[in-house]
């Protein structure tokens, strides 16, 4: 929230405990909402689906970065064979198909909340330098 990626009220800190109590309470409400929408299996699948989606995007991004890397530029901080992100992306894509429909609905709800929070945040996002 301090960087402008979420609404500013999420950055409020409790006077005595010095914790972001508004953000913690919001996460608690979202977790309870998800917990009461279905079974524990669906909740676990929703979490797994979220992680698989993040890993899929990360692996695809790494493939794009590796294919667009300019020669003669600075040396990368680490090197991996191209097969690693390709296998990672394929594995994540295959595993995503085993999730139940309800897990996809929960994931869509979480993505919607995240995007809504991002676009409702103030327009003072810091730019990369």
Protein backbone atom coordinates (compact mmCIF):
# COMPACT_ATOMS: atom_id res chain seq x y z
CA UNK A 1 0.00 0.00 0.00
CA UNK A 2 2.89 2.34 0.70
CA UNK A 3 4.12 1.83 -2.87
CA UNK A 4 0.70 2.59 -4.35
CA UNK A 5 -0.09 -1.00 -5.34
CA UNK A 6 -3.06 -1.28 -2.96
CA UNK A 7 -5.46 1.18 -1.36
CA UNK A 8 -3.82 3.27 1.36
CA UNK A 9 -6.08 2.05 4.16
CA UNK A 10 -4.28 -1.32 3.99
CA UNK A 11 -1.12 0.44 5.22
CA UNK A 12 -2.67 1.56 8.52
CA UNK A 13 -0.65 0.25 11.44
CA UNK A 14 -2.07 -0.52 14.88
CA UNK A 15 -0.90 2.03 17.49
CA UNK A 16 0.19 -0.49 20.13
CA UNK A 17 1.00 -3.66 18.22
CA UNK A 18 2.57 -1.98 15.18
CA UNK A 19 0.96 -4.45 12.78
CA UNK A 20 -1.05 -3.72 9.61
CA UNK A 21 -4.32 -4.66 11.32
CA UNK A 22 -6.63 -3.58 8.46
CA UNK A 23 -4.75 -5.72 5.94
CA UNK A 24 -4.66 -8.68 8.34
CA UNK A 25 -8.39 -8.41 9.04
CA UNK A 26 -9.12 -8.19 5.29
CA UNK A 27 -7.10 -11.35 4.62
CA UNK A 28 -8.93 -13.07 7.48
CA UNK A 29 -12.31 -12.15 5.96
CA UNK A 30 -11.26 -13.42 2.53
CA UNK A 31 -9.96 -16.69 4.02
CA UNK A 32 -13.18 -17.21 5.98
CA UNK A 33 -15.25 -16.46 2.89
CA UNK A 34 -13.28 -19.02 0.90
CA UNK A 35 -13.42 -21.54 3.74
CA UNK A 36 -17.22 -21.37 3.86
CA UNK A 37 -17.70 -21.62 0.08
CA UNK A 38 -16.99 -25.32 -0.11
CA UNK A 39 -15.10 -28.24 1.26
CA UNK A 40 -11.55 -28.31 2.53
CA UNK A 41 -10.58 -30.14 -0.68
CA UNK A 42 -11.85 -27.26 -2.83
CA UNK A 43 -10.06 -24.73 -0.62
CA UNK A 44 -6.81 -26.68 -0.91
CA UNK A 45 -7.28 -26.99 -4.68
CA UNK A 46 -7.90 -23.25 -4.91
CA UNK A 47 -4.61 -22.56 -3.14
CA UNK A 48 -2.78 -25.07 -5.31
CA UNK A 49 -4.37 -23.65 -8.44
CA UNK A 50 -3.26 -20.16 -7.43
CA UNK A 51 0.32 -21.34 -6.90
CA UNK A 52 0.35 -23.32 -10.14
CA UNK A 53 -0.90 -20.25 -12.01
CA UNK A 54 1.85 -18.10 -10.50
CA UNK A 55 4.51 -20.70 -11.33
CA UNK A 56 3.15 -21.03 -14.89
CA UNK A 57 3.39 -17.27 -15.44
CA UNK A 58 6.87 -17.21 -13.88
CA UNK A 59 8.15 -20.02 -16.12
CA UNK A 60 6.66 -18.49 -19.27
CA UNK A 61 8.21 -15.14 -18.30
CA UNK A 62 11.59 -16.80 -17.88
CA UNK A 63 11.27 -18.40 -21.32
CA UNK A 64 10.50 -14.98 -22.83
CA UNK A 65 13.40 -13.34 -21.00
CA UNK A 66 15.82 -16.04 -22.11
CA UNK A 67 14.73 -15.83 -25.76
CA UNK A 68 14.88 -12.02 -25.88
CA UNK A 69 18.18 -11.63 -24.03
CA UNK A 70 20.58 -9.55 -26.04
CA UNK A 71 24.06 -10.80 -26.63
CA UNK A 72 26.84 -8.56 -25.39
CA UNK A 73 24.74 -7.35 -22.47
CA UNK A 74 25.50 -7.91 -18.82
CA UNK A 75 25.98 -11.49 -17.75
CA UNK A 76 22.93 -12.96 -16.00
CA UNK A 77 23.22 -13.59 -12.28
CA UNK A 78 22.34 -17.26 -12.79
CA UNK A 79 22.07 -19.60 -15.74
CA UNK A 80 19.70 -22.50 -16.27
CA UNK A 81 19.05 -24.65 -19.32
CA UNK A 82 16.01 -23.60 -21.38
CA UNK A 83 14.51 -27.04 -20.70
CA UNK A 84 13.91 -26.16 -17.02
CA UNK A 85 11.34 -23.35 -17.53
CA UNK A 86 9.77 -25.23 -20.45
CA UNK A 87 9.29 -28.36 -18.33
CA UNK A 88 8.04 -26.21 -15.45
CA UNK A 89 5.47 -24.43 -17.62
CA UNK A 90 4.25 -27.68 -19.20
CA UNK A 91 4.00 -29.38 -15.80
CA UNK A 92 2.01 -26.50 -14.30
CA UNK A 93 -0.30 -26.34 -17.32
CA UNK A 94 -1.01 -30.07 -17.11
CA UNK A 95 -1.64 -30.02 -13.36
CA UNK A 96 -4.03 -27.07 -13.66
CA UNK A 97 -6.44 -29.28 -15.63
CA UNK A 98 -6.95 -31.57 -12.63
CA UNK A 99 -8.56 -28.89 -10.45
CA UNK A 100 -12.30 -28.87 -9.85
CA UNK A 101 -14.57 -26.24 -11.38
CA UNK A 102 -15.19 -24.68 -7.95
CA UNK A 103 -11.45 -24.09 -7.51
CA UNK A 104 -11.42 -22.10 -10.76
CA UNK A 105 -14.36 -20.04 -9.51
CA UNK A 106 -12.52 -19.31 -6.25
CA UNK A 107 -9.37 -18.39 -8.16
CA UNK A 108 -11.36 -16.06 -10.43
CA UNK A 109 -12.81 -14.40 -7.32
CA UNK A 110 -9.33 -13.91 -5.85
CA UNK A 111 -7.98 -12.49 -9.10
CA UNK A 112 -10.95 -10.12 -9.31
CA UNK A 113 -10.31 -8.90 -5.75
CA UNK A 114 -6.62 -8.41 -6.47
CA UNK A 115 -7.26 -6.47 -9.67
CA UNK A 116 -9.97 -4.38 -8.01
CA UNK A 117 -7.59 -3.53 -5.17
CA UNK A 118 -4.85 -2.64 -7.64
CA UNK A 119 -7.04 -0.36 -9.75
CA UNK A 120 -8.64 1.29 -6.72
CA UNK A 121 -5.20 2.15 -5.35
CA UNK A 122 -3.98 5.70 -5.78
CA UNK A 123 -2.21 6.47 -9.04
CA UNK A 124 1.10 7.19 -7.29
CA UNK A 125 2.73 3.90 -8.28
CA UNK A 126 6.48 4.06 -8.35
CA UNK A 127 8.10 3.49 -11.70
CA UNK A 128 11.16 1.32 -12.14
CA UNK A 129 14.37 3.22 -12.69
